[in-house]
Structure formats: C-alpha cells, structure tokens
Amino acid sequence: MIRHTTGKQKKGIIFRIAPSFTIICGLFTLYIIWGLSYSLQDGIPLNSMWHLVVMALLAALGALYRDSWSFDSEQKTISSFYGFGFIGKKAEYSFDEIERIELTHFVRGSVDKDAKPTKRRLKAMVVLSLRFENDSVKDLEIIQEKSSGGRTEAAAQALSAATGLGLYVDRPRDLDLKVGLRDF
C-alpha cells in the first residue's frame, strides 16, 4: 500500500504520496539500469534479461506515479492530480461543494457492518474521503488500520483544521492494542 502524508504549503496543506516512495522507486530503477548496463557490457544478450527490463519499467512507473490533493485555504479550493509524471487527471473543487471530511472504518472481506477483524482474513480498514453536498464521495486514501498506525486519523484532523471543513469520524480507533510476538 502506498502511504500518503500531509505537508504544509504557502496557501494551505497538501495530502500526497510520501516522497520516500518516489525516492525508493527511483533508486531501484537506477540500480536495475546500472546492473543491466554492466551485464550488456559483459556480452550478455538483452533477451535473456527481459525480466529485469520489466522490473525496471515497473519501478520507473512507481517513481513517476503521482497522487496529490492540494487544499488552498486562501482561494477555498481543492486541486487533485493523479497519474504518471505530467500525464494524468486533474480536478478542482470548491470548499462550497464539500459538506465535510470523513473518516470511516470497515472490515475488508465482510458485508456485515458490525464484523470484527481477524488476524488472517478480515482486516480492519480506514477510509479518508471527502463528502460533497450532492452526497457523492471522493476517497483520498483507503488503508489497513494497522498500517495506518493513526497517521490517517491525524491527517484527517490536520486537513480539517487547516481548511475549516467539518470532520466526521464514524468511530474511534480500535487498534491501540499492544502488539506482542504472538501476533506475528
């Protein structure tokens, strides 16, 4: 899962893919290309290393992937962009269109709203989204509650505080349990 982080801007706050993800994918791409170049210099044919070419392309796509939400508190607008490099979809919304920021929870793999997460199959998930006045919803991040570690909840509070939009949380975090070796 790709983690999102919040960051301050001159005019507001931004919610985007963690820069560490882009850096790691870029370094991995460079490492594979470096290895391929040395192998080609040694006379190894490229068709015998097709799997490395595919891995380099996938790592390059990961390095170019962008998913960001920019909240401009001065102009009262939200700009979103997702895509690869400069190719992607951009959308802009006004604060007037948005009813609130929502933080909801569900259990993946179950249709029962009151289902309890288990260690193996049913995972507790958290969803950060924008609810619009016309009852449509745009999801900003969907992540396992355990992987989130409270960062998604903190991001929701930071976005609400920076923009002045209302925040709805369906229930408090329930994974603040101590984790021992038996849980792995």
Protein backbone atom coordinates (compact mmCIF):
# COMPACT_ATOMS: atom_id res chain seq x y z
CA MET A 1 0.00 0.00 0.00
CA ILE A 2 1.21 3.44 -0.83
CA ARG A 3 1.30 5.76 2.17
CA HIS A 4 0.11 9.35 1.92
CA THR A 5 1.49 12.19 4.01
CA THR A 6 0.43 15.73 4.79
CA GLY A 7 2.64 18.74 4.28
CA LYS A 8 2.33 22.48 4.67
CA GLN A 9 2.20 24.82 1.69
CA LYS A 10 2.21 28.59 1.46
CA LYS A 11 -1.54 28.71 0.90
CA GLY A 12 -2.71 25.63 2.79
CA ILE A 13 -1.97 21.95 3.16
CA ILE A 14 -1.21 19.09 0.76
CA PHE A 15 -2.04 15.39 1.06
CA ARG A 16 0.17 13.33 -1.26
CA ILE A 17 2.13 10.14 -1.74
CA ALA A 18 5.07 10.01 0.63
CA PRO A 19 8.24 11.31 -1.08
CA SER A 20 10.12 8.29 0.27
CA PHE A 21 8.07 6.02 -2.06
CA THR A 22 9.14 8.03 -5.12
CA ILE A 23 12.78 8.10 -4.00
CA ILE A 24 12.90 4.35 -3.32
CA CYS A 25 11.32 3.53 -6.70
CA GLY A 26 13.72 5.91 -8.46
CA LEU A 27 16.76 4.40 -6.75
CA PHE A 28 15.54 0.89 -7.56
CA THR A 29 15.13 1.90 -11.23
CA LEU A 30 18.67 3.31 -11.35
CA TYR A 31 20.08 0.21 -9.67
CA ILE A 32 18.44 -2.14 -12.18
CA ILE A 33 19.56 0.00 -15.14
CA TRP A 34 23.10 0.05 -13.73
CA GLY A 35 23.05 -3.73 -13.43
CA LEU A 36 21.66 -4.12 -16.95
CA SER A 37 24.36 -1.86 -18.40
CA TYR A 38 27.15 -3.87 -16.78
CA SER A 39 25.60 -7.13 -18.00
CA LEU A 40 25.34 -5.76 -21.54
CA GLN A 41 28.99 -4.67 -21.41
CA ASP A 42 29.92 -8.24 -20.43
CA GLY A 43 28.20 -9.51 -23.57
CA ILE A 44 25.05 -10.96 -22.04
CA PRO A 45 22.18 -10.60 -24.55
CA LEU A 46 19.26 -8.39 -23.53
CA ASN A 47 16.65 -11.03 -24.44
CA SER A 48 18.00 -13.25 -21.65
CA MET A 49 17.36 -10.43 -19.14
CA TRP A 50 13.82 -9.49 -20.18
CA HIS A 51 12.58 -9.87 -16.61
CA LEU A 52 14.99 -7.15 -15.45
CA VAL A 53 13.73 -4.81 -18.17
CA VAL A 54 10.16 -5.40 -16.99
CA MET A 55 11.19 -4.74 -13.37
CA ALA A 56 12.96 -1.52 -14.41
CA LEU A 57 9.84 -0.33 -16.26
CA LEU A 58 7.60 -1.10 -13.27
CA ALA A 59 9.97 0.67 -10.88
CA ALA A 60 10.10 3.68 -13.22
CA LEU A 61 6.29 3.79 -13.29
CA GLY A 62 6.31 3.73 -9.48
CA ALA A 63 8.78 6.62 -9.41
CA LEU A 64 6.64 8.65 -11.83
CA TYR A 65 3.29 7.92 -10.12
CA ARG A 66 1.64 10.97 -8.54
CA ASP A 67 -1.45 11.22 -6.36
CA SER A 68 -1.90 14.54 -4.58
CA TRP A 69 -4.64 16.65 -3.06
CA SER A 70 -3.82 20.32 -2.52
CA PHE A 71 -6.08 22.25 -0.14
CA ASP A 72 -5.81 26.02 -0.77
CA SER A 73 -7.20 27.83 2.28
CA GLU A 74 -6.91 31.29 0.70
CA GLN A 75 -8.83 30.57 -2.51
CA LYS A 76 -11.04 27.94 -0.82
CA THR A 77 -10.32 25.30 -3.45
CA ILE A 78 -9.08 21.72 -3.56
CA SER A 79 -6.97 20.55 -6.51
CA SER A 80 -6.35 16.87 -7.13
CA PHE A 81 -3.98 15.20 -9.55
CA TYR A 82 -3.27 11.55 -10.16
CA GLY A 83 -1.31 9.99 -12.96
CA PHE A 84 2.24 9.39 -14.14
CA GLY A 85 4.61 12.34 -14.42
CA PHE A 86 2.71 15.12 -16.17
CA ILE A 87 0.16 12.76 -17.75
CA GLY A 88 -2.88 12.29 -15.58
CA LYS A 89 -6.21 13.62 -14.47
CA LYS A 90 -6.59 16.92 -12.71
CA ALA A 91 -9.73 18.08 -10.93
CA GLU A 92 -10.60 21.13 -8.89
CA TYR A 93 -13.32 21.52 -6.29
CA SER A 94 -14.58 24.46 -4.27
CA PHE A 95 -14.96 24.34 -0.49
CA ASP A 96 -18.62 25.27 -1.07
CA GLU A 97 -19.19 21.93 -2.85
CA ILE A 98 -17.86 19.93 0.11
CA GLU A 99 -20.03 19.04 3.06
CA ARG A 100 -17.27 17.53 5.24
CA ILE A 101 -14.15 15.41 5.51
CA GLU A 102 -15.00 11.86 6.55
CA LEU A 103 -13.03 9.16 8.30
CA THR A 104 -14.86 5.84 8.17
CA HIS A 105 -13.97 2.28 9.03
CA PHE A 106 -14.96 -1.09 7.59
CA VAL A 107 -13.83 -4.70 7.70
CA ARG A 108 -12.45 -5.92 4.37
CA GLY A 109 -14.00 -9.20 3.27
CA SER A 110 -17.26 -8.80 5.18
CA VAL A 111 -20.59 -7.25 4.31
CA ASP A 112 -21.65 -7.18 7.96
CA LYS A 113 -21.27 -3.64 9.31
CA ASP A 114 -20.59 -4.92 12.84
CA ALA A 115 -18.00 -7.54 11.80
CA LYS A 116 -14.88 -7.87 13.91
CA PRO A 117 -11.46 -8.06 12.24
CA THR A 118 -9.47 -11.27 12.50
CA LYS A 119 -5.75 -11.89 12.22
CA ARG A 120 -5.83 -13.62 8.86
CA ARG A 121 -8.70 -12.82 6.59
CA LEU A 122 -10.90 -9.98 7.80
CA LYS A 123 -8.79 -6.80 8.04
CA ALA A 124 -9.85 -3.53 9.64
CA MET A 125 -9.65 -0.72 7.08
CA VAL A 126 -9.84 3.04 7.38
CA VAL A 127 -11.07 5.39 4.63
CA LEU A 128 -10.31 9.11 4.38
CA SER A 129 -12.73 10.79 1.99
CA LEU A 130 -14.49 14.00 1.01
CA ARG A 131 -18.29 14.06 1.14
CA PHE A 132 -19.87 16.52 -1.27
CA GLU A 133 -23.16 18.39 -0.92
CA ASN A 134 -24.78 16.13 -3.56
CA ASP A 135 -23.95 13.02 -1.41
CA SER A 136 -21.14 11.87 -3.69
CA VAL A 137 -17.87 10.76 -2.09
CA LYS A 138 -14.24 11.00 -3.24
CA ASP A 139 -11.86 8.67 -1.42
CA LEU A 140 -8.44 10.14 -0.69
CA GLU A 141 -6.93 7.08 0.99
CA ILE A 142 -8.02 3.55 1.84
CA ILE A 143 -5.54 1.69 4.03
CA GLN A 144 -5.42 -1.02 6.67
CA GLU A 145 -5.97 0.45 10.10
CA LYS A 146 -2.93 -1.39 11.41
CA SER A 147 -0.71 0.00 8.61
CA SER A 148 -2.08 3.47 9.17
CA GLY A 149 -0.96 3.49 12.77
CA GLY A 150 -3.07 6.58 13.46
CA ARG A 151 -1.44 8.64 10.68
CA THR A 152 -4.60 8.70 8.55
CA GLU A 153 -6.61 9.88 11.54
CA ALA A 154 -4.02 12.60 12.22
CA ALA A 155 -4.08 13.62 8.54
CA ALA A 156 -7.88 13.95 8.66
CA GLN A 157 -7.64 16.21 11.70
CA ALA A 158 -4.88 18.29 10.09
CA LEU A 159 -6.87 18.70 6.87
CA SER A 160 -9.98 19.72 8.80
CA ALA A 161 -8.06 22.20 10.96
CA ALA A 162 -6.22 23.78 8.01
CA THR A 163 -9.29 24.14 5.80
CA GLY A 164 -12.05 24.80 8.31
CA LEU A 165 -14.15 21.99 6.82
CA GLY A 166 -16.12 19.78 9.19
CA LEU A 167 -14.76 16.38 10.20
CA TYR A 168 -16.92 13.28 10.66
CA VAL A 169 -15.43 10.19 12.31
CA ASP A 170 -17.72 7.15 12.46
CA ARG A 171 -15.90 5.57 15.42
CA PRO A 172 -12.63 5.96 17.29
CA ARG A 173 -9.56 3.88 16.54
CA ASP A 174 -9.74 0.39 17.97
CA LEU A 175 -6.24 -0.86 17.24
CA ASP A 176 -4.35 0.89 20.02
CA LEU A 177 -3.52 -2.51 21.45
CA LYS A 178 -0.04 -3.61 22.44
CA VAL A 179 1.38 -6.00 19.88
CA GLY A 180 3.47 -8.93 21.05
CA LEU A 181 5.46 -11.64 19.32
CA ARG A 182 2.42 -13.95 19.35
CA ASP A 183 0.64 -11.59 16.93
CA PHE A 184 3.14 -12.25 14.15
